[in-house]
Protein backbone atom coordinates (compact mmCIF):
# COMPACT_ATOMS: atom_id res chain seq x y z
CA UNK A 1 33.61 14.30 -25.76
CA UNK A 2 34.90 10.88 -24.63
CA UNK A 3 34.32 10.17 -20.94
CA UNK A 4 31.61 12.82 -20.52
CA UNK A 5 28.03 13.50 -21.50
CA UNK A 6 27.58 15.52 -24.67
CA UNK A 7 25.65 18.74 -24.07
CA UNK A 8 23.72 21.07 -26.35
CA UNK A 9 26.57 23.55 -25.86
CA UNK A 10 29.02 21.02 -27.35
CA UNK A 11 26.76 20.61 -30.37
CA UNK A 12 26.55 24.39 -30.85
CA UNK A 13 30.34 24.74 -30.72
CA UNK A 14 30.90 21.89 -33.21
CA UNK A 15 28.33 23.32 -35.65
CA UNK A 16 29.47 26.91 -35.13
CA UNK A 17 26.01 28.18 -34.22
CA UNK A 18 24.28 29.71 -31.21
CA UNK A 19 22.62 27.60 -28.50
CA UNK A 20 19.23 28.91 -29.59
CA UNK A 21 19.81 27.60 -33.10
CA UNK A 22 20.43 24.08 -31.81
CA UNK A 23 17.28 24.35 -29.68
CA UNK A 24 15.28 25.40 -32.73
CA UNK A 25 16.62 22.46 -34.74
CA UNK A 26 15.45 20.10 -31.98
CA UNK A 27 12.09 21.72 -31.28
CA UNK A 28 11.15 23.97 -34.22
CA UNK A 29 13.21 22.80 -37.22
CA UNK A 30 11.01 24.71 -39.67
CA UNK A 31 12.47 27.96 -38.32
CA UNK A 32 16.05 27.04 -39.29
CA UNK A 33 17.47 27.35 -42.81
CA UNK A 34 18.25 24.04 -44.48
CA UNK A 35 22.08 24.46 -44.65
CA UNK A 36 22.29 25.42 -40.98
CA UNK A 37 19.91 22.62 -39.95
CA UNK A 38 22.04 20.11 -41.84
CA UNK A 39 25.20 21.35 -40.11
CA UNK A 40 23.62 21.03 -36.66
CA UNK A 41 22.28 17.54 -37.38
CA UNK A 42 25.71 16.47 -38.59
CA UNK A 43 27.26 17.74 -35.34
CA UNK A 44 24.63 15.83 -33.34
CA UNK A 45 25.49 12.61 -35.16
CA UNK A 46 29.24 13.10 -34.89
CA UNK A 47 29.13 13.80 -31.15
CA UNK A 48 26.50 11.18 -30.34
CA UNK A 49 24.29 13.75 -28.63
CA UNK A 50 21.21 12.26 -26.91
CA UNK A 51 18.36 14.63 -26.15
CA UNK A 52 17.36 14.72 -22.47
CA UNK A 53 13.60 14.88 -22.81
CA UNK A 54 13.01 14.31 -19.09
CA UNK A 55 15.04 17.36 -18.11
CA UNK A 56 13.39 19.46 -20.83
CA UNK A 57 9.92 18.48 -19.69
CA UNK A 58 10.70 19.18 -16.04
CA UNK A 59 12.08 22.59 -16.95
CA UNK A 60 8.87 23.32 -18.83
CA UNK A 61 6.86 21.98 -15.89
CA UNK A 62 4.95 19.62 -18.15
CA UNK A 63 5.86 15.93 -18.31
CA UNK A 64 4.51 13.71 -21.09
CA UNK A 65 4.73 10.55 -18.94
CA UNK A 66 1.97 8.82 -17.00
CA UNK A 67 2.77 6.33 -14.25
CA UNK A 68 0.75 3.12 -13.93
CA UNK A 69 1.20 0.87 -10.89
CA UNK A 70 -0.23 -2.56 -11.73
CA UNK A 71 -1.25 -5.05 -9.06
CA UNK A 72 0.36 -8.09 -10.68
CA UNK A 73 2.00 -8.01 -14.11
CA UNK A 74 2.03 -11.84 -14.21
CA UNK A 75 -1.75 -11.74 -14.60
CA UNK A 76 -2.57 -11.18 -18.30
CA UNK A 77 -5.65 -9.20 -17.24
CA UNK A 78 -3.46 -6.39 -15.92
CA UNK A 79 -1.19 -6.63 -18.95
CA UNK A 80 -4.22 -6.04 -21.17
CA UNK A 81 -5.37 -3.11 -19.03
CA UNK A 82 -1.88 -1.62 -19.43
CA UNK A 83 -2.04 -2.17 -23.19
CA UNK A 84 -5.33 -0.29 -23.39
CA UNK A 85 -3.87 2.58 -21.38
CA UNK A 86 -0.82 2.76 -23.66
CA UNK A 87 -2.99 2.80 -26.78
CA UNK A 88 -5.14 5.66 -25.53
CA UNK A 89 -2.24 7.63 -24.08
CA UNK A 90 -0.34 7.49 -27.38
CA UNK A 91 -3.25 9.22 -29.12
CA UNK A 92 -2.67 12.20 -26.83
CA UNK A 93 1.12 12.29 -27.06
CA UNK A 94 1.65 10.63 -23.69
CA UNK A 95 3.76 7.62 -22.75
CA UNK A 96 2.89 5.16 -19.96
CA UNK A 97 5.52 3.97 -17.48
CA UNK A 98 4.39 0.58 -16.15
CA UNK A 99 5.35 -0.57 -12.65
CA UNK A 100 4.49 -3.84 -10.91
CA UNK A 101 3.61 -3.75 -7.20
CA UNK A 102 3.47 -7.57 -7.25
CA UNK A 103 0.85 -7.59 -4.48
CA UNK A 104 3.46 -6.09 -2.09
CA UNK A 105 2.64 -2.89 -0.16
CA UNK A 106 6.31 -1.87 0.16
CA UNK A 107 6.78 -2.04 -3.61
CA UNK A 108 3.59 -0.04 -4.11
CA UNK A 109 4.87 2.73 -1.82
CA UNK A 110 8.30 2.68 -3.47
CA UNK A 111 6.75 3.27 -6.89
CA UNK A 112 4.56 6.05 -5.52
CA UNK A 113 7.77 7.70 -4.27
CA UNK A 114 9.47 7.18 -7.63
CA UNK A 115 6.65 8.65 -9.71
CA UNK A 116 6.36 11.60 -7.35
CA UNK A 117 10.09 12.28 -7.75
CA UNK A 118 9.78 12.03 -11.53
CA UNK A 119 6.84 14.46 -11.49
CA UNK A 120 4.77 12.39 -13.90
CA UNK A 121 1.82 14.10 -15.58
CA UNK A 122 -0.63 11.81 -13.84
CA UNK A 123 -0.93 8.42 -12.17
CA UNK A 124 -3.01 5.30 -12.70
CA UNK A 125 -2.93 2.82 -9.84
CA UNK A 126 -4.54 -0.51 -8.96
CA UNK A 127 -4.12 -0.05 -5.21
CA UNK A 128 -3.27 -2.94 -2.96
CA UNK A 129 -4.40 -1.31 0.26
CA UNK A 130 -5.60 2.03 1.56
CA UNK A 131 -3.28 4.54 -0.10
CA UNK A 132 -5.82 7.34 -0.38
CA UNK A 133 -4.02 9.71 2.01
CA UNK A 134 -0.86 9.28 0.00
CA UNK A 135 -2.67 9.91 -3.28
CA UNK A 136 -4.23 13.08 -1.86
CA UNK A 137 -0.74 14.30 -1.02
CA UNK A 138 0.37 13.66 -4.59
CA UNK A 139 -2.55 15.76 -5.82
CA UNK A 140 -1.33 18.71 -3.75
CA UNK A 141 1.92 18.37 -5.71
CA UNK A 142 0.08 18.54 -9.01
CA UNK A 143 -0.12 14.80 -9.75
CA UNK A 144 -3.71 13.63 -10.30
CA UNK A 145 -4.68 9.98 -9.89
CA UNK A 146 -7.23 7.57 -11.35
CA UNK A 147 -7.97 4.28 -9.60
CA UNK A 148 -8.03 1.22 -11.84
CA UNK A 149 -9.97 -1.96 -10.97
CA UNK A 150 -10.96 -0.34 -7.69
CA UNK A 151 -13.74 1.99 -6.56
CA UNK A 152 -12.89 5.22 -4.76
CA UNK A 153 -14.90 4.44 -1.58
CA UNK A 154 -16.23 7.99 -1.37
CA UNK A 155 -12.81 9.60 -1.80
CA UNK A 156 -12.43 12.34 -4.46
CA UNK A 157 -10.75 10.26 -7.16
CA UNK A 158 -11.98 9.14 -10.55
CA UNK A 159 -12.05 5.37 -10.96
CA UNK A 160 -12.71 2.62 -13.46
CA UNK A 161 -13.72 -0.82 -12.27
CA UNK A 162 -15.97 -3.82 -12.80
CA UNK A 163 -18.81 -4.77 -10.46
CA UNK A 164 -17.00 -7.71 -8.83
CA UNK A 165 -19.87 -8.45 -6.46
CA UNK A 166 -22.08 -8.99 -9.50
CA UNK A 167 -19.31 -11.06 -11.09
CA UNK A 168 -19.04 -13.40 -8.10
CA UNK A 169 -22.81 -13.74 -8.01
CA UNK A 170 -22.86 -14.50 -11.74
CA UNK A 171 -20.21 -17.22 -11.44
CA UNK A 172 -21.81 -19.13 -8.57
CA UNK A 173 -25.32 -18.76 -10.00
CA UNK A 174 -24.03 -20.35 -13.20
CA UNK A 175 -22.55 -23.30 -11.27
CA UNK A 176 -25.86 -23.76 -9.43
CA UNK A 177 -27.75 -23.73 -12.72
CA UNK A 178 -25.45 -26.53 -13.91
CA UNK A 179 -26.52 -28.67 -10.95
CA UNK A 180 -23.70 -27.91 -8.49
CA UNK A 181 -24.62 -27.94 -4.82
CA UNK A 182 -21.25 -28.26 -3.02
CA UNK A 183 -19.26 -25.28 -4.31
CA UNK A 184 -15.76 -24.21 -3.34
CA UNK A 185 -14.36 -20.70 -3.72
CA UNK A 186 -10.60 -20.54 -4.30
CA UNK A 187 -9.11 -17.09 -3.82
CA UNK A 188 -6.18 -15.07 -2.58
CA UNK A 189 -6.12 -12.85 0.50
CA UNK A 190 -9.40 -11.05 1.15
CA UNK A 191 -7.32 -7.96 1.89
CA UNK A 192 -7.35 -7.58 -1.89
CA UNK A 193 -10.60 -5.74 -2.54
CA UNK A 194 -11.39 -7.57 -5.78
CA UNK A 195 -11.14 -10.96 -4.05
CA UNK A 196 -13.33 -9.82 -1.17
CA UNK A 197 -15.99 -8.48 -3.54
CA UNK A 198 -16.05 -11.65 -5.66
CA UNK A 199 -16.37 -13.77 -2.51
CA UNK A 200 -19.19 -11.53 -1.26
CA UNK A 201 -21.06 -12.03 -4.53
CA UNK A 202 -20.46 -15.78 -4.38
CA UNK A 203 -21.83 -15.99 -0.83
CA UNK A 204 -24.84 -13.93 -1.87
CA UNK A 205 -25.66 -16.34 -4.71
CA UNK A 206 -25.23 -19.40 -2.49
CA UNK A 207 -27.47 -17.90 0.21
CA UNK A 208 -30.29 -17.64 -2.32
CA UNK A 209 -30.37 -21.46 -2.52
CA UNK A 210 -30.84 -23.26 0.84
CA UNK A 211 -29.53 -26.55 -0.55
CA UNK A 212 -26.21 -25.03 -1.68
CA UNK A 213 -23.05 -25.02 0.46
CA UNK A 214 -20.14 -22.67 -0.25
CA UNK A 215 -16.71 -23.59 1.08
CA UNK A 216 -13.96 -20.95 1.11
CA UNK A 217 -10.37 -21.98 0.36
CA UNK A 218 -8.08 -18.97 0.73
CA UNK A 219 -4.48 -18.97 -0.47
CA UNK A 220 -1.65 -16.50 -0.07
CA UNK A 221 -1.76 -15.42 -3.71
CA UNK A 222 -3.56 -15.56 -7.04
CA UNK A 223 -1.13 -17.52 -9.22
CA UNK A 224 -1.30 -20.80 -11.13
CA UNK A 225 0.74 -22.43 -8.37
CA UNK A 226 -1.75 -21.33 -5.70
CA UNK A 227 -4.63 -22.74 -7.74
CA UNK A 228 -2.81 -26.02 -8.22
CA UNK A 229 -2.10 -26.33 -4.48
CA UNK A 230 -5.74 -25.72 -3.58
CA UNK A 231 -6.93 -28.29 -6.11
CA UNK A 232 -4.35 -30.85 -4.94
CA UNK A 233 -5.88 -30.62 -1.47
CA UNK A 234 -9.33 -31.23 -2.95
CA UNK A 235 -8.10 -34.29 -4.87
CA UNK A 236 -6.77 -35.82 -1.64
CA UNK A 237 -10.27 -35.93 -0.18
CA UNK A 238 -12.60 -38.91 -0.54
CA UNK A 239 -14.91 -38.41 -3.56
CA UNK A 240 -17.94 -37.79 -1.37
CA UNK A 241 -16.26 -34.85 0.37
CA UNK A 242 -15.14 -33.05 -2.75
CA UNK A 243 -17.02 -30.04 -4.13
CA UNK A 244 -18.92 -30.55 -7.37
CA UNK A 245 -18.26 -26.98 -8.46
CA UNK A 246 -15.29 -24.63 -8.05
CA UNK A 247 -15.22 -20.85 -8.55
CA UNK A 248 -11.70 -19.38 -8.74
CA UNK A 249 -11.15 -15.69 -8.06
CA UNK A 250 -9.13 -15.35 -11.26
CA UNK A 251 -8.23 -17.40 -14.32
CA UNK A 252 -4.67 -18.11 -13.20
CA UNK A 253 -6.02 -19.93 -10.16
CA UNK A 254 -8.47 -21.78 -12.43
CA UNK A 255 -5.68 -22.84 -14.81
CA UNK A 256 -3.74 -24.26 -11.85
CA UNK A 257 -6.82 -26.08 -10.56
CA UNK A 258 -7.48 -27.54 -14.01
CA UNK A 259 -3.89 -28.78 -14.24
CA UNK A 260 -4.28 -30.58 -10.92
CA UNK A 261 -7.66 -32.06 -11.73
CA UNK A 262 -7.03 -33.30 -15.27
CA UNK A 263 -3.29 -33.49 -15.88
CA UNK A 264 -1.25 -33.91 -12.70
CA UNK A 265 -3.65 -36.17 -10.84
CA UNK A 266 -5.73 -37.29 -13.80
CA UNK A 267 -8.57 -38.53 -11.63
CA UNK A 268 -11.10 -35.72 -11.86
CA UNK A 269 -13.43 -35.24 -14.81
CA UNK A 270 -14.08 -31.56 -15.60
CA UNK A 271 -16.97 -30.76 -15.72
CA UNK A 272 -18.47 -34.20 -14.98
CA UNK A 273 -17.06 -34.53 -11.46
CA UNK A 274 -16.23 -30.89 -10.79
CA UNK A 275 -17.42 -27.91 -12.83
CA UNK A 276 -14.82 -25.14 -12.87
CA UNK A 277 -15.11 -21.41 -13.58
CA UNK A 278 -12.54 -18.59 -13.40
CA UNK A 279 -12.56 -14.80 -13.58
CA UNK A 280 -11.07 -12.25 -16.05
CA UNK A 281 -11.39 -14.28 -19.29
CA UNK A 282 -7.72 -13.98 -20.20
CA UNK A 283 -6.59 -15.35 -23.57
CA UNK A 284 -5.36 -18.58 -21.96
CA UNK A 285 -8.89 -19.40 -20.74
CA UNK A 286 -10.09 -20.55 -24.16
CA UNK A 287 -6.85 -22.45 -24.94
CA UNK A 288 -6.63 -24.81 -21.94
CA UNK A 289 -7.03 -28.59 -22.29
CA UNK A 290 -10.64 -28.12 -21.18
CA UNK A 291 -11.64 -24.59 -22.26
CA UNK A 292 -12.43 -22.57 -19.16
CA UNK A 293 -15.66 -20.79 -18.43
CA UNK A 294 -14.93 -17.37 -17.00
CA UNK A 295 -16.31 -14.00 -15.96
CA UNK A 296 -15.12 -11.50 -18.55
CA UNK A 297 -13.84 -8.04 -17.70
CA UNK A 298 -13.34 -5.51 -20.53
CA UNK A 299 -9.63 -5.17 -19.74
CA UNK A 300 -8.41 -3.14 -22.72
CA UNK A 301 -11.43 -0.83 -22.52
CA UNK A 302 -10.75 -0.28 -18.83
CA UNK A 303 -7.22 0.89 -19.64
CA UNK A 304 -8.46 3.29 -22.31
CA UNK A 305 -11.15 4.65 -20.03
CA UNK A 306 -8.63 5.20 -17.23
CA UNK A 307 -6.56 7.46 -19.52
CA UNK A 308 -9.69 9.40 -20.57
CA UNK A 309 -10.59 9.97 -16.92
CA UNK A 310 -7.04 11.06 -16.17
CA UNK A 311 -7.05 13.56 -19.05
CA UNK A 312 -10.30 15.06 -17.73
CA UNK A 313 -8.48 15.87 -14.50
CA UNK A 314 -5.23 16.99 -16.14
CA UNK A 315 -6.91 19.34 -18.61
CA UNK A 316 -9.20 21.00 -16.06
CA UNK A 317 -8.82 24.75 -15.86
CA UNK A 318 -6.84 26.04 -12.85
CA UNK A 319 -9.19 26.82 -9.98
CA UNK A 320 -12.03 24.94 -11.69
CA UNK A 321 -11.40 21.22 -11.10
CA UNK A 322 -13.50 18.57 -12.82
CA UNK A 323 -15.73 16.50 -10.58
CA UNK A 324 -14.30 12.96 -10.25
CA UNK A 325 -16.20 10.26 -12.09
CA UNK A 326 -16.63 6.57 -11.34
CA UNK A 327 -17.07 4.26 -14.34
CA UNK A 328 -18.27 0.77 -13.41
CA UNK A 329 -18.52 -1.89 -16.12
CA UNK A 330 -20.74 -4.94 -15.78
CA UNK A 331 -19.09 -8.37 -16.01
CA UNK A 332 -20.09 -10.94 -18.61
CA UNK A 333 -20.47 -14.70 -18.22
CA UNK A 334 -18.49 -16.68 -20.83
CA UNK A 335 -19.53 -20.34 -20.88
CA UNK A 336 -17.10 -22.99 -22.16
CA UNK A 337 -16.60 -26.70 -21.68
CA UNK A 338 -15.35 -26.57 -18.07
CA UNK A 339 -18.90 -25.94 -16.77
CA UNK A 340 -21.07 -27.13 -19.63
CA UNK A 341 -22.93 -29.98 -17.90
CA UNK A 342 -26.50 -29.34 -18.97
CA UNK A 343 -27.80 -28.70 -22.48
């Protein structure tokens, strides 16, 4: 079979059996007598036959793959959400195909096209923008969707998220309780819903204290490099014009800010001069040179819950769809040395 793809017909001819016998060996081996099964398996090995599961599933009209479009795979939070989804999917005989939109709308749309073409069983997506009309079209083609780390905004989709407004309020309230009065918020574009919600919560907490000022420093992204750049600009200010507390919209930004404050510039004491808190509570947060306080999201649990919500939709009886559900987890304040000013 050199130069061409080995087919099930080639295996049948080599083993001297019918096509149906080869199919039974692959799918229902208990129905085939041991000598015949051994002959077919030997032919498979000799020819190097590789089973085309994708084609078989499409023919049966039932894929065992779930697509998952992550917002940013560089952020360990999303990696952990994906891990939770994979763990739960495996329990139900499903595999998860991970895709990274990388905060880029064109990539997000390209992956939506790809998963539609592959006719995945269902789709998990952490949407970058308003893709609801597109997701409704996918549903008419039999592909149900669950939103991850995003609420459905009244649209008929199940979703799993964390109350980011509460998380932003929790972070800034904690800084205020540690004595901070000039607080800076470092975040990415507010077009990202999670950033906007965390900023809204931060503003709400600051407004509850007339003597507190909240400065907003927006960057083009949510990476370590963006956090470092924002903190470098703070370091260049005279000491009296610097904030005494910083809330970063995620832990990667906070790691970058901490590098600038304590390692690259070496002039800022954390938390003595500036208390610093992040968001997500990724594994790195507790391992930095000054362990970072953070707002914890149950990332792995969110991934598992997303698969459960997807299965509710997939397994609904024809003509009797399941009502979409929204699961909202509450964030948790994790206090470490980067904000621990007061006993």
